[in-house]
Amino acid sequence: MAKVKVTVIDKKCFSDLQEKYLSNPHAGPCDRFAIGDTFIFDNFGGPEEFWRLNGHNRCTEVWDCISRYVYTALQGGSIMKGWTNDEKMMIACCNDGTRPVIFKIERLDPEE
């Protein structure tokens, strides 16, 4: 069974959009993730630990955006064949349009 490594590779903040559209116009960048944060998934079919990492809850919006890639990779499938230069890797982001967090998702195959 494959493992999956998810790494935060970037964060963006669009202050102009926050000021125009958010109830808190000074929300700033996402405070739930930091560039370099890494998560390993190896429990396909077991309890989800993503929500309890580092002693606090993670964002459900992120999980909604990356879970399909994580589950595909955990089963040994191609994450994004023909789209990225490595079918075992995908770049994805959460859907927060004013402060997206960008993730690298990698399938880690078992050593043979």
C-alpha atoms as a PDB file:
ATOM      1  CA  MET A   1       0.000   0.000   0.000  1.00  0.00           C
ATOM      2  CA  ALA A   2       1.320   3.441  -0.924  1.00  0.00           C
ATOM      3  CA  LYS A   3       1.745   6.363   1.443  1.00  0.00           C
ATOM      4  CA  VAL A   4       1.042   9.978   0.565  1.00  0.00           C
ATOM      5  CA  LYS A   5       3.086  13.013   1.515  1.00  0.00           C
ATOM      6  CA  VAL A   6       1.350  16.408   1.454  1.00  0.00           C
ATOM      7  CA  THR A   7       3.564  19.481   1.767  1.00  0.00           C
ATOM      8  CA  VAL A   8       2.565  23.148   1.982  1.00  0.00           C
ATOM      9  CA  ILE A   9       4.671  24.788  -0.717  1.00  0.00           C
ATOM     10  CA  ASP A  10       3.190  28.297  -0.812  1.00  0.00           C
ATOM     11  CA  LYS A  11       0.553  30.632   0.574  1.00  0.00           C
ATOM     12  CA  LYS A  12      -1.017  33.660  -1.056  1.00  0.00           C
ATOM     13  CA  CYS A  13      -2.996  36.581   0.307  1.00  0.00           C
ATOM     14  CA  PHE A  14      -5.035  38.946  -1.824  1.00  0.00           C
ATOM     15  CA  SER A  15      -5.598  41.903   0.497  1.00  0.00           C
ATOM     16  CA  ASP A  16      -7.504  43.858  -2.132  1.00  0.00           C
ATOM     17  CA  LEU A  17     -10.085  41.076  -2.440  1.00  0.00           C
ATOM     18  CA  GLN A  18     -10.304  40.658   1.328  1.00  0.00           C
ATOM     19  CA  GLU A  19     -10.937  44.371   1.771  1.00  0.00           C
ATOM     20  CA  LYS A  20     -13.617  44.353  -0.893  1.00  0.00           C
ATOM     21  CA  TYR A  21     -15.455  41.120  -0.026  1.00  0.00           C
ATOM     22  CA  LEU A  22     -14.764  39.768   3.468  1.00  0.00           C
ATOM     23  CA  SER A  23     -16.587  40.590   6.679  1.00  0.00           C
ATOM     24  CA  ASN A  24     -13.111  40.922   8.207  1.00  0.00           C
ATOM     25  CA  PRO A  25     -11.301  43.017   5.585  1.00  0.00           C
ATOM     26  CA  HIS A  26      -7.975  42.464   7.361  1.00  0.00           C
ATOM     27  CA  ALA A  27      -8.165  38.660   7.657  1.00  0.00           C
ATOM     28  CA  GLY A  28      -4.655  38.220   6.259  1.00  0.00           C
ATOM     29  CA  PRO A  29      -3.087  34.960   5.115  1.00  0.00           C
ATOM     30  CA  CYS A  30      -4.287  31.552   6.304  1.00  0.00           C
ATOM     31  CA  ASP A  31      -3.159  30.895   9.865  1.00  0.00           C
ATOM     32  CA  ARG A  32      -3.802  27.116   9.885  1.00  0.00           C
ATOM     33  CA  PHE A  33      -0.842  26.150   7.716  1.00  0.00           C
ATOM     34  CA  ALA A  34       2.768  27.266   7.315  1.00  0.00           C
ATOM     35  CA  ILE A  35       5.002  26.839   4.301  1.00  0.00           C
ATOM     36  CA  GLY A  36       6.935  23.610   4.844  1.00  0.00           C
ATOM     37  CA  ASP A  37       4.223  21.851   6.877  1.00  0.00           C
ATOM     38  CA  THR A  38       4.240  18.171   5.901  1.00  0.00           C
ATOM     39  CA  PHE A  39       1.640  15.463   6.474  1.00  0.00           C
ATOM     40  CA  ILE A  40       1.981  11.733   5.805  1.00  0.00           C
ATOM     41  CA  PHE A  41      -1.106   9.658   5.063  1.00  0.00           C
ATOM     42  CA  ASP A  42      -0.775   5.885   5.384  1.00  0.00           C
ATOM     43  CA  ASN A  43      -4.067   4.734   6.802  1.00  0.00           C
ATOM     44  CA  PHE A  44      -6.350   4.042   3.847  1.00  0.00           C
ATOM     45  CA  GLY A  45      -9.487   2.547   5.301  1.00  0.00           C
ATOM     46  CA  GLY A  46      -8.560   3.670   8.828  1.00  0.00           C
ATOM     47  CA  PRO A  47      -9.464   6.729  10.870  1.00  0.00           C
ATOM     48  CA  GLU A  48      -8.608  10.114   9.418  1.00  0.00           C
ATOM     49  CA  GLU A  49      -5.848  11.753  11.438  1.00  0.00           C
ATOM     50  CA  PHE A  50      -5.548  14.890   9.289  1.00  0.00           C
ATOM     51  CA  TRP A  51      -8.040  16.753  11.480  1.00  0.00           C
ATOM     52  CA  ARG A  52      -6.137  16.109  14.721  1.00  0.00           C
ATOM     53  CA  LEU A  53      -2.561  16.862  13.658  1.00  0.00           C
ATOM     54  CA  ASN A  54      -0.478  19.246  15.750  1.00  0.00           C
ATOM     55  CA  GLY A  55      -3.139  19.451  18.444  1.00  0.00           C
ATOM     56  CA  HIS A  56      -5.703  21.458  16.519  1.00  0.00           C
ATOM     57  CA  ASN A  57      -8.279  21.114  13.802  1.00  0.00           C
ATOM     58  CA  ARG A  58      -7.422  21.444  10.146  1.00  0.00           C
ATOM     59  CA  CYS A  59      -9.515  23.099   7.458  1.00  0.00           C
ATOM     60  CA  THR A  60     -12.379  21.120   5.923  1.00  0.00           C
ATOM     61  CA  GLU A  61     -12.107  23.197   2.738  1.00  0.00           C
ATOM     62  CA  VAL A  62      -8.574  21.904   2.201  1.00  0.00           C
ATOM     63  CA  TRP A  63      -9.617  18.302   2.720  1.00  0.00           C
ATOM     64  CA  ASP A  64     -12.444  18.773   0.237  1.00  0.00           C
ATOM     65  CA  CYS A  65      -9.906  19.942  -2.350  1.00  0.00           C
ATOM     66  CA  ILE A  66      -7.132  17.373  -1.802  1.00  0.00           C
ATOM     67  CA  SER A  67      -8.876  14.231  -0.540  1.00  0.00           C
ATOM     68  CA  ARG A  68      -9.571  12.792  -4.009  1.00  0.00           C
ATOM     69  CA  TYR A  69      -5.839  12.944  -4.805  1.00  0.00           C
ATOM     70  CA  VAL A  70      -4.847  11.519  -1.424  1.00  0.00           C
ATOM     71  CA  TYR A  71      -7.242   8.568  -1.719  1.00  0.00           C
ATOM     72  CA  THR A  72      -6.202   7.844  -5.321  1.00  0.00           C
ATOM     73  CA  ALA A  73      -2.534   7.830  -4.352  1.00  0.00           C
ATOM     74  CA  LEU A  74      -3.110   5.695  -1.242  1.00  0.00           C
ATOM     75  CA  GLN A  75      -4.523   3.038  -3.539  1.00  0.00           C
ATOM     76  CA  GLY A  76      -1.434   3.245  -5.755  1.00  0.00           C
ATOM     77  CA  GLY A  77      -3.172   5.112  -8.562  1.00  0.00           C
ATOM     78  CA  SER A  78      -1.923   7.832 -10.853  1.00  0.00           C
ATOM     79  CA  ILE A  79      -2.713  11.174  -9.246  1.00  0.00           C
ATOM     80  CA  MET A  80      -2.648  13.296 -12.387  1.00  0.00           C
ATOM     81  CA  LYS A  81      -1.260  11.395 -15.364  1.00  0.00           C
ATOM     82  CA  GLY A  82      -0.500  13.663 -18.285  1.00  0.00           C
ATOM     83  CA  TRP A  83      -1.056  16.871 -16.324  1.00  0.00           C
ATOM     84  CA  THR A  84       2.092  17.021 -14.203  1.00  0.00           C
ATOM     85  CA  ASN A  85       5.584  15.888 -15.140  1.00  0.00           C
ATOM     86  CA  ASP A  86       5.287  13.022 -12.635  1.00  0.00           C
ATOM     87  CA  GLU A  87       2.061  11.020 -12.412  1.00  0.00           C
ATOM     88  CA  LYS A  88       2.769  10.359  -8.716  1.00  0.00           C
ATOM     89  CA  MET A  89       2.566  14.104  -7.901  1.00  0.00           C
ATOM     90  CA  MET A  90      -0.078  16.838  -7.981  1.00  0.00           C
ATOM     91  CA  ILE A  91      -0.073  20.532  -7.098  1.00  0.00           C
ATOM     92  CA  ALA A  92      -3.408  21.639  -5.627  1.00  0.00           C
ATOM     93  CA  CYS A  93      -4.746  24.436  -3.465  1.00  0.00           C
ATOM     94  CA  CYS A  94      -7.628  25.116  -1.165  1.00  0.00           C
ATOM     95  CA  ASN A  95     -10.550  27.060  -2.561  1.00  0.00           C
ATOM     96  CA  ASP A  96     -10.222  30.149  -0.372  1.00  0.00           C
ATOM     97  CA  GLY A  97     -10.064  32.728  -3.126  1.00  0.00           C
ATOM     98  CA  THR A  98      -8.579  35.480  -0.962  1.00  0.00           C
ATOM     99  CA  ARG A  99      -5.896  33.436   0.820  1.00  0.00           C
ATOM    100  CA  PRO A 100      -5.216  30.109  -0.875  1.00  0.00           C
ATOM    101  CA  VAL A 101      -2.727  27.593   0.463  1.00  0.00           C
ATOM    102  CA  ILE A 102      -0.861  25.563  -2.161  1.00  0.00           C
ATOM    103  CA  PHE A 103      -0.001  21.903  -1.594  1.00  0.00           C
ATOM    104  CA  LYS A 104       2.277  19.357  -3.241  1.00  0.00           C
ATOM    105  CA  ILE A 105       0.750  15.875  -3.021  1.00  0.00           C
ATOM    106  CA  GLU A 106       3.096  12.926  -3.625  1.00  0.00           C
ATOM    107  CA  ARG A 107       2.479   9.182  -3.793  1.00  0.00           C
ATOM    108  CA  LEU A 108       5.235   7.343  -1.934  1.00  0.00           C
ATOM    109  CA  ASP A 109       5.418   3.799  -3.226  1.00  0.00           C
ATOM    110  CA  PRO A 110       6.531   1.004  -0.879  1.00  0.00           C
ATOM    111  CA  GLU A 111      10.128  -0.033  -1.230  1.00  0.00           C
ATOM    112  CA  GLU A 112      10.507  -3.167  -3.267  1.00  0.00           C
END
